[in-house]
N, C-alpha and C. Protein backbone atom coordinates (compact mmCIF):
# COMPACT_ATOMS: atom_id res chain seq x y z
N UNK A 1 -10.60 6.25 8.23
CA UNK A 1 -10.74 4.59 7.70
C UNK A 1 -11.77 4.01 8.22
N UNK A 2 -12.40 3.09 7.54
CA UNK A 2 -13.54 2.58 7.81
C UNK A 2 -13.22 1.10 8.24
N UNK A 3 -13.79 0.63 9.33
CA UNK A 3 -13.27 -0.58 9.97
C UNK A 3 -14.64 -1.60 9.72
N UNK A 4 -14.49 -2.88 9.55
CA UNK A 4 -15.57 -3.79 9.45
C UNK A 4 -14.84 -5.13 9.85
N UNK A 5 -15.55 -6.05 10.23
CA UNK A 5 -15.19 -7.66 10.31
C UNK A 5 -14.97 -8.27 8.91
N UNK A 6 -13.85 -8.91 8.79
CA UNK A 6 -13.69 -9.63 7.54
C UNK A 6 -14.75 -10.39 7.15
N UNK A 7 -15.35 -11.37 8.11
CA UNK A 7 -16.41 -12.13 7.79
C UNK A 7 -17.07 -12.27 8.97
N UNK A 8 -18.49 -12.85 9.00
CA UNK A 8 -19.15 -13.11 10.52
C UNK A 8 -18.48 -14.28 11.11
N UNK A 9 -17.80 -15.26 10.66
CA UNK A 9 -17.31 -16.18 11.44
C UNK A 9 -15.85 -15.91 12.00
N UNK A 10 -15.40 -14.88 11.77
CA UNK A 10 -14.04 -14.29 12.35
C UNK A 10 -14.19 -12.73 12.77
N UNK A 11 -14.71 -12.53 13.89
CA UNK A 11 -14.91 -10.99 14.47
C UNK A 11 -13.34 -10.69 14.54
N UNK A 12 -12.42 -11.43 14.81
CA UNK A 12 -11.02 -10.74 15.13
C UNK A 12 -10.29 -10.04 14.03
N UNK A 13 -10.91 -10.34 12.65
CA UNK A 13 -10.12 -9.71 11.53
C UNK A 13 -10.84 -8.39 11.26
N UNK A 14 -10.08 -7.54 10.94
CA UNK A 14 -10.48 -6.17 10.53
C UNK A 14 -9.87 -5.78 9.25
N UNK A 15 -10.65 -5.25 8.37
CA UNK A 15 -10.13 -4.58 7.18
C UNK A 15 -10.24 -3.25 7.20
N UNK A 16 -9.32 -2.63 6.77
CA UNK A 16 -9.18 -1.13 6.71
C UNK A 16 -8.49 -0.98 5.57
N UNK A 17 -8.81 0.72 5.01
CA UNK A 17 -8.02 1.17 3.99
C UNK A 17 -8.93 2.15 3.24
N UNK A 18 -8.67 2.00 1.74
CA UNK A 18 -9.39 2.89 0.93
C UNK A 18 -9.62 2.24 -0.56
N UNK A 19 -10.86 1.79 -0.62
CA UNK A 19 -11.22 0.87 -1.75
C UNK A 19 -11.79 1.97 -2.90
N UNK A 20 -11.81 2.98 -2.79
CA UNK A 20 -12.01 4.15 -3.74
C UNK A 20 -10.81 4.29 -4.84
N UNK A 21 -11.03 4.44 -6.14
CA UNK A 21 -10.06 4.74 -6.97
C UNK A 21 -10.69 5.80 -7.99
N UNK A 22 -9.72 6.22 -8.96
CA UNK A 22 -10.15 7.04 -10.07
C UNK A 22 -9.06 7.51 -10.93
N UNK A 23 -7.68 7.58 -10.24
CA UNK A 23 -6.46 7.71 -10.83
C UNK A 23 -5.66 6.51 -10.75
N UNK A 24 -4.40 6.75 -11.33
CA UNK A 24 -3.50 5.83 -11.35
C UNK A 24 -1.93 6.33 -11.33
N UNK A 25 -1.06 5.60 -10.60
CA UNK A 25 0.25 5.97 -10.67
C UNK A 25 1.04 4.98 -11.37
N UNK A 26 2.02 5.24 -12.08
CA UNK A 26 2.95 4.17 -12.82
C UNK A 26 4.11 4.03 -11.90
N UNK A 27 4.31 2.86 -11.64
CA UNK A 27 5.45 2.36 -10.95
C UNK A 27 6.38 1.49 -11.68
N UNK A 28 7.60 1.45 -11.44
CA UNK A 28 8.64 0.57 -12.15
C UNK A 28 9.53 1.43 -12.92
N UNK A 29 10.07 0.81 -14.00
CA UNK A 29 11.10 1.47 -14.79
C UNK A 29 10.47 2.40 -15.96
N UNK A 30 10.51 3.76 -15.63
CA UNK A 30 9.96 4.65 -16.82
C UNK A 30 11.03 4.94 -17.94
N UNK A 31 10.65 5.65 -18.88
CA UNK A 31 11.60 5.94 -19.94
C UNK A 31 12.56 6.94 -19.47
N UNK A 32 12.59 7.80 -18.20
CA UNK A 32 13.57 8.63 -17.81
C UNK A 32 14.77 7.83 -16.80
N UNK A 33 14.59 6.49 -17.06
CA UNK A 33 15.68 5.57 -16.52
C UNK A 33 15.52 5.56 -14.88
N UNK A 34 14.66 6.07 -14.25
CA UNK A 34 14.34 5.86 -12.91
C UNK A 34 13.10 4.71 -12.70
N UNK A 35 13.51 4.06 -11.49
CA UNK A 35 12.45 2.99 -10.95
C UNK A 35 11.75 3.82 -9.82
N UNK A 36 10.46 3.86 -10.24
CA UNK A 36 9.32 4.54 -9.47
C UNK A 36 8.66 3.68 -8.52
N UNK A 37 8.33 4.14 -7.14
CA UNK A 37 7.55 3.26 -6.10
C UNK A 37 6.27 4.16 -5.86
N UNK A 38 5.31 3.41 -5.46
CA UNK A 38 4.39 4.08 -4.45
C UNK A 38 4.02 3.49 -3.20
N UNK A 39 3.58 4.20 -2.48
CA UNK A 39 3.24 3.54 -0.91
C UNK A 39 2.16 4.28 -0.24
N UNK A 40 1.94 4.01 1.18
CA UNK A 40 0.95 4.73 1.76
C UNK A 40 1.22 4.60 3.34
N UNK A 41 1.04 5.81 3.96
CA UNK A 41 1.23 5.62 5.41
C UNK A 41 -0.33 5.55 5.87
N UNK A 42 -0.32 5.04 7.25
CA UNK A 42 -1.69 4.56 7.80
C UNK A 42 -1.34 4.58 9.42
N UNK A 43 -2.40 4.77 9.98
CA UNK A 43 -2.51 4.73 11.47
C UNK A 43 -3.14 3.16 11.92
N UNK A 44 -2.57 2.34 12.68
CA UNK A 44 -3.06 1.14 12.85
C UNK A 44 -4.30 1.22 13.72
N UNK A 45 -5.40 0.68 13.20
CA UNK A 45 -6.82 0.76 14.03
C UNK A 45 -6.85 -0.22 14.90
N UNK A 46 -6.00 -1.12 15.11
CA UNK A 46 -6.21 -2.24 16.24
C UNK A 46 -4.68 -2.79 16.34
N UNK A 47 -4.52 -3.36 17.53
CA UNK A 47 -3.28 -4.12 17.77
C UNK A 47 -3.60 -5.56 17.35
N UNK A 48 -2.72 -6.28 16.51
CA UNK A 48 -3.00 -7.43 16.13
C UNK A 48 -1.84 -7.86 14.99
N UNK A 49 -2.06 -9.05 14.38
CA UNK A 49 -0.90 -9.57 13.19
C UNK A 49 -1.52 -8.74 12.03
N UNK A 50 -0.72 -8.15 11.05
CA UNK A 50 -1.05 -7.74 9.85
C UNK A 50 -1.00 -8.84 8.98
N UNK A 51 -2.15 -9.32 8.24
CA UNK A 51 -2.03 -10.57 7.74
C UNK A 51 -1.81 -10.48 6.14
N UNK A 52 -2.45 -9.35 5.69
CA UNK A 52 -2.21 -9.07 4.19
C UNK A 52 -2.48 -7.42 3.83
N UNK A 53 -1.87 -7.01 2.88
CA UNK A 53 -2.17 -5.80 2.07
C UNK A 53 -2.52 -5.92 0.53
N UNK A 54 -3.60 -5.39 0.33
CA UNK A 54 -4.18 -5.54 -1.10
C UNK A 54 -4.00 -4.19 -1.91
N UNK A 55 -3.77 -4.30 -3.17
CA UNK A 55 -3.52 -3.14 -3.98
C UNK A 55 -4.28 -3.37 -5.08
N UNK A 56 -4.75 -2.44 -5.99
CA UNK A 56 -5.39 -2.60 -7.26
C UNK A 56 -4.64 -2.34 -8.40
N UNK A 57 -3.94 -3.04 -9.05
CA UNK A 57 -3.28 -2.55 -10.29
C UNK A 57 -4.15 -2.40 -11.44
N UNK A 58 -4.12 -1.26 -11.99
CA UNK A 58 -5.05 -0.88 -13.01
C UNK A 58 -4.53 -1.56 -14.38
N UNK A 59 -3.22 -1.53 -14.62
CA UNK A 59 -2.75 -1.88 -15.95
C UNK A 59 -1.32 -2.64 -15.64
N UNK A 60 -1.20 -3.84 -16.03
CA UNK A 60 0.18 -4.48 -15.98
C UNK A 60 0.43 -4.71 -17.43
N UNK A 61 1.54 -4.23 -18.01
CA UNK A 61 2.11 -4.14 -19.20
C UNK A 61 2.71 -5.79 -19.71
N UNK A 62 3.37 -6.12 -18.64
CA UNK A 62 3.68 -7.60 -18.94
C UNK A 62 4.10 -8.23 -17.45
N UNK A 63 4.08 -9.65 -17.44
CA UNK A 63 4.23 -10.25 -15.95
C UNK A 63 5.49 -9.56 -15.33
N UNK A 64 5.01 -9.25 -14.04
CA UNK A 64 5.95 -8.40 -13.23
C UNK A 64 6.17 -8.90 -11.76
N UNK A 65 7.25 -8.67 -11.32
CA UNK A 65 7.39 -8.89 -9.89
C UNK A 65 7.36 -7.65 -8.92
N UNK A 66 6.40 -7.73 -8.01
CA UNK A 66 6.25 -6.62 -7.20
C UNK A 66 6.78 -6.86 -5.82
N UNK A 67 7.29 -5.82 -5.11
CA UNK A 67 7.74 -6.11 -3.77
C UNK A 67 6.90 -5.20 -2.75
N UNK A 68 6.47 -5.66 -1.66
CA UNK A 68 5.79 -4.70 -0.66
C UNK A 68 6.72 -4.77 0.49
N UNK A 69 7.09 -3.51 0.92
CA UNK A 69 7.98 -3.43 2.29
C UNK A 69 6.99 -2.61 3.22
N UNK A 70 6.93 -2.98 4.49
CA UNK A 70 6.38 -2.18 5.49
C UNK A 70 7.47 -1.65 6.67
N UNK A 71 7.28 -0.35 6.93
CA UNK A 71 8.00 0.32 7.84
C UNK A 71 7.38 1.02 9.11
N UNK A 72 8.21 1.35 10.00
CA UNK A 72 7.54 2.24 11.03
C UNK A 72 7.58 3.60 10.46
N UNK A 73 6.62 4.45 10.70
CA UNK A 73 6.53 5.82 9.99
C UNK A 73 6.48 6.93 11.10
N UNK A 74 7.41 7.83 10.93
CA UNK A 74 7.30 9.15 11.81
C UNK A 74 6.54 10.06 11.24
N UNK A 75 5.31 10.38 11.62
CA UNK A 75 4.13 11.08 11.14
C UNK A 75 4.62 12.60 11.23
N UNK A 76 5.29 13.08 12.22
CA UNK A 76 5.80 14.52 12.42
C UNK A 76 6.71 14.86 11.22
N UNK A 77 7.62 14.03 11.13
CA UNK A 77 8.68 14.40 9.98
C UNK A 77 8.35 13.66 8.58
N UNK A 78 7.34 12.95 8.41
CA UNK A 78 6.92 12.45 7.28
C UNK A 78 8.01 11.57 6.72
N UNK A 79 8.56 10.79 7.40
CA UNK A 79 9.60 9.76 7.18
C UNK A 79 9.37 8.23 7.67
N UNK A 80 9.89 7.39 6.53
CA UNK A 80 10.06 6.09 7.08
C UNK A 80 10.92 5.80 7.87
N UNK A 81 10.80 4.84 8.74
CA UNK A 81 11.91 4.39 9.61
C UNK A 81 12.36 3.02 9.28
N UNK A 82 12.65 2.12 10.24
CA UNK A 82 13.28 0.83 10.09
C UNK A 82 12.02 -0.01 9.46
N UNK A 83 12.76 -0.85 8.39
CA UNK A 83 11.86 -1.78 7.71
C UNK A 83 11.59 -3.08 8.63
N UNK A 84 10.23 -3.22 8.66
CA UNK A 84 9.72 -4.33 9.62
C UNK A 84 9.30 -5.57 8.90
N UNK A 85 9.19 -5.50 7.60
CA UNK A 85 8.71 -6.93 6.84
C UNK A 85 8.75 -6.53 5.29
N UNK A 86 8.86 -7.59 4.60
CA UNK A 86 8.86 -7.49 3.16
C UNK A 86 8.41 -8.89 2.60
N UNK A 87 7.53 -8.67 1.38
CA UNK A 87 7.06 -9.87 0.64
C UNK A 87 7.14 -9.64 -0.89
N UNK A 88 7.17 -10.64 -1.64
CA UNK A 88 7.03 -10.25 -3.16
C UNK A 88 5.94 -11.05 -3.49
N UNK A 89 5.56 -10.53 -4.74
CA UNK A 89 4.09 -11.03 -5.44
C UNK A 89 4.52 -11.01 -7.17
N UNK A 90 4.20 -12.21 -7.79
CA UNK A 90 4.34 -12.03 -9.36
C UNK A 90 3.03 -11.75 -9.59
N UNK A 91 3.02 -10.73 -10.72
CA UNK A 91 1.38 -10.50 -11.13
C UNK A 91 1.68 -10.74 -12.63
N UNK A 92 0.66 -11.18 -13.25
CA UNK A 92 0.37 -11.54 -14.67
C UNK A 92 -0.37 -10.52 -15.34
N UNK A 93 -0.61 -10.14 -16.53
CA UNK A 93 -1.14 -9.05 -17.31
C UNK A 93 -2.73 -9.27 -17.03
N UNK A 94 -3.15 -10.41 -16.75
CA UNK A 94 -4.61 -10.88 -16.59
C UNK A 94 -5.00 -10.41 -15.03
N UNK A 95 -3.91 -10.08 -14.32
CA UNK A 95 -4.30 -9.75 -12.91
C UNK A 95 -4.66 -8.18 -12.87
N UNK A 96 -4.79 -7.41 -13.77
CA UNK A 96 -5.18 -6.21 -13.83
C UNK A 96 -6.46 -5.85 -13.64
N UNK A 97 -6.97 -4.92 -12.83
CA UNK A 97 -8.21 -4.55 -12.35
C UNK A 97 -8.94 -5.55 -11.35
N UNK A 98 -7.86 -6.33 -10.74
CA UNK A 98 -8.23 -7.15 -9.66
C UNK A 98 -7.48 -6.93 -8.48
N UNK A 99 -7.92 -7.15 -7.24
CA UNK A 99 -7.16 -7.02 -6.11
C UNK A 99 -6.03 -7.90 -6.18
N UNK A 100 -4.81 -7.42 -5.70
CA UNK A 100 -3.72 -8.35 -5.50
C UNK A 100 -3.15 -8.26 -4.29
N UNK A 101 -3.16 -9.40 -3.65
CA UNK A 101 -2.89 -9.47 -2.31
C UNK A 101 -1.38 -10.03 -2.03
N UNK A 102 -0.77 -9.19 -1.07
CA UNK A 102 0.52 -9.46 -0.39
C UNK A 102 0.34 -10.14 0.81
N UNK A 103 0.55 -11.33 0.84
CA UNK A 103 0.23 -12.09 1.98
C UNK A 103 1.77 -12.39 2.63
N UNK A 104 1.55 -13.31 3.74
CA UNK A 104 2.70 -13.66 4.35
C UNK A 104 3.62 -12.57 5.21
N UNK A 105 2.86 -11.67 5.65
CA UNK A 105 3.58 -10.47 6.39
C UNK A 105 3.71 -10.95 7.88
N UNK A 106 2.49 -11.55 8.31
CA UNK A 106 2.72 -11.71 9.85
C UNK A 106 3.45 -10.89 10.74
N UNK A 107 3.06 -9.64 10.67
CA UNK A 107 3.63 -8.66 11.38
C UNK A 107 2.86 -7.95 12.67
N UNK A 108 3.27 -7.95 13.66
CA UNK A 108 2.68 -7.30 14.83
C UNK A 108 2.59 -5.76 14.61
N UNK A 109 1.22 -5.23 14.64
CA UNK A 109 0.84 -3.84 14.64
C UNK A 109 0.51 -3.40 15.87
N UNK A 110 0.58 -2.05 16.38
CA UNK A 110 0.10 -1.71 17.64
C UNK A 110 -0.90 -0.68 17.18
N UNK A 111 -2.01 -0.54 18.00
CA UNK A 111 -3.09 0.22 17.78
C UNK A 111 -2.58 1.74 17.94
N UNK A 112 -3.14 2.57 17.14
CA UNK A 112 -2.77 4.08 17.06
C UNK A 112 -1.32 4.29 16.65
N UNK A 113 -0.56 3.37 16.37
CA UNK A 113 0.93 3.59 15.93
C UNK A 113 0.92 3.98 14.40
N UNK A 114 1.92 4.48 13.87
CA UNK A 114 1.97 4.96 12.43
C UNK A 114 2.99 3.93 11.78
N UNK A 115 2.52 3.54 10.71
CA UNK A 115 3.31 2.65 9.69
C UNK A 115 3.09 3.26 8.26
N UNK A 116 4.13 2.72 7.51
CA UNK A 116 3.80 3.07 5.83
C UNK A 116 4.34 1.82 5.16
N UNK A 117 3.91 1.61 3.99
CA UNK A 117 4.17 0.38 3.15
C UNK A 117 4.65 0.99 1.58
N UNK A 118 5.36 0.56 1.03
CA UNK A 118 5.81 0.82 -0.28
C UNK A 118 5.78 -0.31 -1.19
N UNK A 119 5.47 -0.09 -2.56
CA UNK A 119 5.58 -1.08 -3.60
C UNK A 119 6.33 -0.74 -4.64
N UNK A 120 7.16 -1.66 -4.95
CA UNK A 120 8.00 -1.37 -6.04
C UNK A 120 8.45 -2.76 -6.95
N UNK A 121 8.94 -2.45 -8.18
CA UNK A 121 8.94 -3.62 -9.06
C UNK A 121 10.23 -3.22 -9.79
N UNK A 122 11.46 -3.65 -9.20
CA UNK A 122 12.72 -3.15 -9.96
C UNK A 122 13.25 -4.16 -10.92
N UNK A 123 12.31 -4.72 -11.72
CA UNK A 123 12.90 -5.73 -12.68
C UNK A 123 12.54 -5.28 -14.30
N UNK A 124 12.60 -3.85 -14.47
CA UNK A 124 12.66 -3.41 -15.63
C UNK A 124 11.41 -3.41 -16.32
N UNK A 125 10.21 -3.44 -15.47
CA UNK A 125 8.82 -3.27 -16.02
C UNK A 125 7.92 -2.51 -15.26
N UNK A 126 6.74 -2.18 -15.86
CA UNK A 126 6.03 -1.13 -15.35
C UNK A 126 4.54 -1.78 -15.12
N UNK A 127 4.05 -1.21 -14.07
CA UNK A 127 2.39 -1.13 -13.98
C UNK A 127 1.89 -0.01 -13.22
N UNK A 128 0.62 0.15 -13.59
CA UNK A 128 -0.17 1.43 -13.12
C UNK A 128 -0.95 0.85 -11.74
N UNK A 129 -0.92 1.67 -10.75
CA UNK A 129 -1.56 1.36 -9.53
C UNK A 129 -2.67 2.31 -9.26
N UNK A 130 -3.98 1.82 -8.63
CA UNK A 130 -5.10 2.69 -8.58
C UNK A 130 -4.74 3.62 -7.36
N UNK A 131 -5.15 4.94 -7.29
CA UNK A 131 -5.21 5.89 -6.27
C UNK A 131 -6.19 6.63 -6.46
N UNK A 132 -6.42 7.53 -5.48
CA UNK A 132 -7.58 8.60 -5.57
C UNK A 132 -7.24 9.82 -4.87
N UNK A 133 -7.90 10.90 -5.25
CA UNK A 133 -7.97 12.20 -4.24
C UNK A 133 -8.82 12.17 -3.14
N UNK A 134 -8.35 12.49 -2.07
CA UNK A 134 -9.17 12.36 -0.80
C UNK A 134 -10.37 13.05 -0.93
N UNK A 135 -10.58 14.09 -1.78
CA UNK A 135 -11.86 14.69 -2.04
C UNK A 135 -12.92 13.93 -2.64
N UNK A 136 -12.40 12.69 -3.24
CA UNK A 136 -13.48 11.78 -3.95
C UNK A 136 -13.67 10.55 -2.97
N UNK A 137 -13.02 10.48 -1.79
CA UNK A 137 -13.21 9.48 -0.72
C UNK A 137 -13.36 9.97 0.50
N UNK A 138 -14.74 10.54 0.82
CA UNK A 138 -14.70 11.10 2.20
C UNK A 138 -14.37 10.10 3.23
N UNK A 139 -13.77 10.51 4.48
CA UNK A 139 -13.59 9.72 5.47
C UNK A 139 -12.30 8.87 5.41
N UNK A 140 -11.45 9.18 4.40
CA UNK A 140 -10.25 8.17 4.12
C UNK A 140 -8.92 9.12 4.34
N UNK A 141 -9.06 10.07 4.98
CA UNK A 141 -7.91 10.99 5.02
C UNK A 141 -6.90 10.92 6.18
N UNK A 142 -6.87 9.51 6.76
CA UNK A 142 -5.99 9.45 7.83
C UNK A 142 -4.41 9.12 7.43
N UNK A 143 -4.11 8.81 6.12
CA UNK A 143 -2.76 8.76 5.58
C UNK A 143 -2.30 9.78 4.44
N UNK A 144 -1.08 9.21 4.23
CA UNK A 144 -0.55 10.11 2.95
C UNK A 144 -0.04 9.19 2.00
N UNK A 145 -0.22 9.48 0.71
CA UNK A 145 0.39 8.63 -0.47
C UNK A 145 2.06 8.93 -0.50
N UNK A 146 2.68 7.83 -0.79
CA UNK A 146 4.16 7.91 -0.80
C UNK A 146 4.62 7.78 -1.98
N UNK A 147 5.29 8.69 -2.71
CA UNK A 147 5.89 8.50 -4.06
C UNK A 147 7.36 8.96 -4.13
N UNK A 148 8.09 8.23 -4.95
CA UNK A 148 9.55 8.36 -4.97
C UNK A 148 9.91 7.36 -6.23
N UNK A 149 11.40 7.69 -6.34
CA UNK A 149 12.11 6.69 -7.48
C UNK A 149 13.61 6.61 -6.99
N UNK A 150 14.37 5.86 -8.01
CA UNK A 150 15.41 5.47 -7.49
C UNK A 150 16.61 6.41 -7.26
N UNK A 151 16.24 7.82 -7.87
CA UNK A 151 17.02 8.88 -7.61
C UNK A 151 16.71 9.82 -6.28
N UNK A 152 15.51 9.48 -5.92
CA UNK A 152 14.96 10.00 -4.67
C UNK A 152 14.21 8.82 -3.71
N UNK A 153 15.01 8.14 -3.20
CA UNK A 153 14.35 7.16 -2.27
C UNK A 153 13.76 7.53 -1.18
N UNK A 154 14.03 8.69 -0.67
CA UNK A 154 12.93 9.26 0.57
C UNK A 154 11.69 9.47 0.07
N UNK A 155 11.58 9.92 -1.22
CA UNK A 155 10.20 10.28 -1.77
C UNK A 155 9.55 11.51 -1.00
N UNK A 156 8.27 11.59 -1.28
CA UNK A 156 7.59 12.61 -1.03
C UNK A 156 6.28 12.08 -0.46
N UNK A 157 5.50 12.55 0.64
CA UNK A 157 4.29 12.07 1.08
C UNK A 157 3.38 13.30 0.65
N UNK A 158 2.31 12.86 0.19
CA UNK A 158 1.02 13.61 -0.28
C UNK A 158 -0.23 13.47 0.59
N UNK A 159 -0.70 14.25 1.33
CA UNK A 159 -1.83 14.21 2.10
C UNK A 159 -3.17 14.18 1.38
N UNK A 160 -3.22 14.80 0.26
CA UNK A 160 -4.21 14.95 -0.58
C UNK A 160 -4.60 13.66 -1.55
N UNK A 161 -3.66 12.75 -1.66
CA UNK A 161 -3.92 11.71 -2.34
C UNK A 161 -3.81 10.37 -1.51
N UNK A 162 -4.40 9.23 -1.89
CA UNK A 162 -4.15 8.00 -1.20
C UNK A 162 -4.08 6.93 -2.14
N UNK A 163 -3.34 5.95 -1.88
CA UNK A 163 -3.40 4.72 -2.53
C UNK A 163 -4.70 3.86 -2.41
N UNK A 164 -5.04 3.12 -3.44
CA UNK A 164 -6.29 2.30 -3.05
C UNK A 164 -5.63 1.13 -2.80
N UNK A 165 -6.13 0.74 -1.39
CA UNK A 165 -5.29 -0.37 -0.69
C UNK A 165 -6.66 -1.11 0.31
N UNK A 166 -6.45 -2.12 0.73
CA UNK A 166 -7.19 -2.72 1.71
C UNK A 166 -6.16 -3.55 2.59
N UNK A 167 -6.07 -3.57 4.01
CA UNK A 167 -5.27 -4.20 4.63
C UNK A 167 -6.06 -5.13 5.61
N UNK A 168 -5.53 -6.29 6.21
CA UNK A 168 -6.12 -7.14 6.96
C UNK A 168 -5.33 -7.19 8.50
N UNK A 169 -5.81 -6.91 9.45
CA UNK A 169 -5.34 -7.28 10.69
C UNK A 169 -6.10 -8.25 11.56
N UNK A 170 -5.46 -9.33 12.16
CA UNK A 170 -6.08 -10.19 13.11
C UNK A 170 -5.92 -9.54 14.41
N UNK A 171 -6.90 -8.99 14.96
CA UNK A 171 -6.72 -8.45 16.10
C UNK A 171 -6.56 -9.23 17.23
N UNK A 172 -5.88 -8.81 18.33
CA UNK A 172 -5.60 -9.73 19.66
C UNK A 172 -6.69 -9.45 20.50
């Protein structure tokens, strides 16, 4: 994960993640009747407050409410643990191909601890979220993409793919 200050006036803010894309994954209610979600595991690069997580919606078919949940992550077992925070964001069709920011997290993260987040939209609608294969984004292989659906809520983690996301931590 590449680290950089958010802006020169605030050296305590760190942005990390994967800004590369090339593929997309559909979330929401698909024709098979399952609600699909996507997420990402990551290791926190600093101790501080998680201010926001941004994703890149590729296509939004109709206005949609998306929910982002953050969890502790057990890397050895590839399992999410207790939920730490949750926030919602309403997206419009015109928001496609622009960064969508989930704010109001205000969650304390610890350096080198593992976390994961997931995005779902259980309102009967769908959107495509950008992702990429790690071989297309050198240096971004610290986490694993998490996908699942309403009949498989534990989902699966894939180390060869990554969600396109950026996160901001206000370092202590």
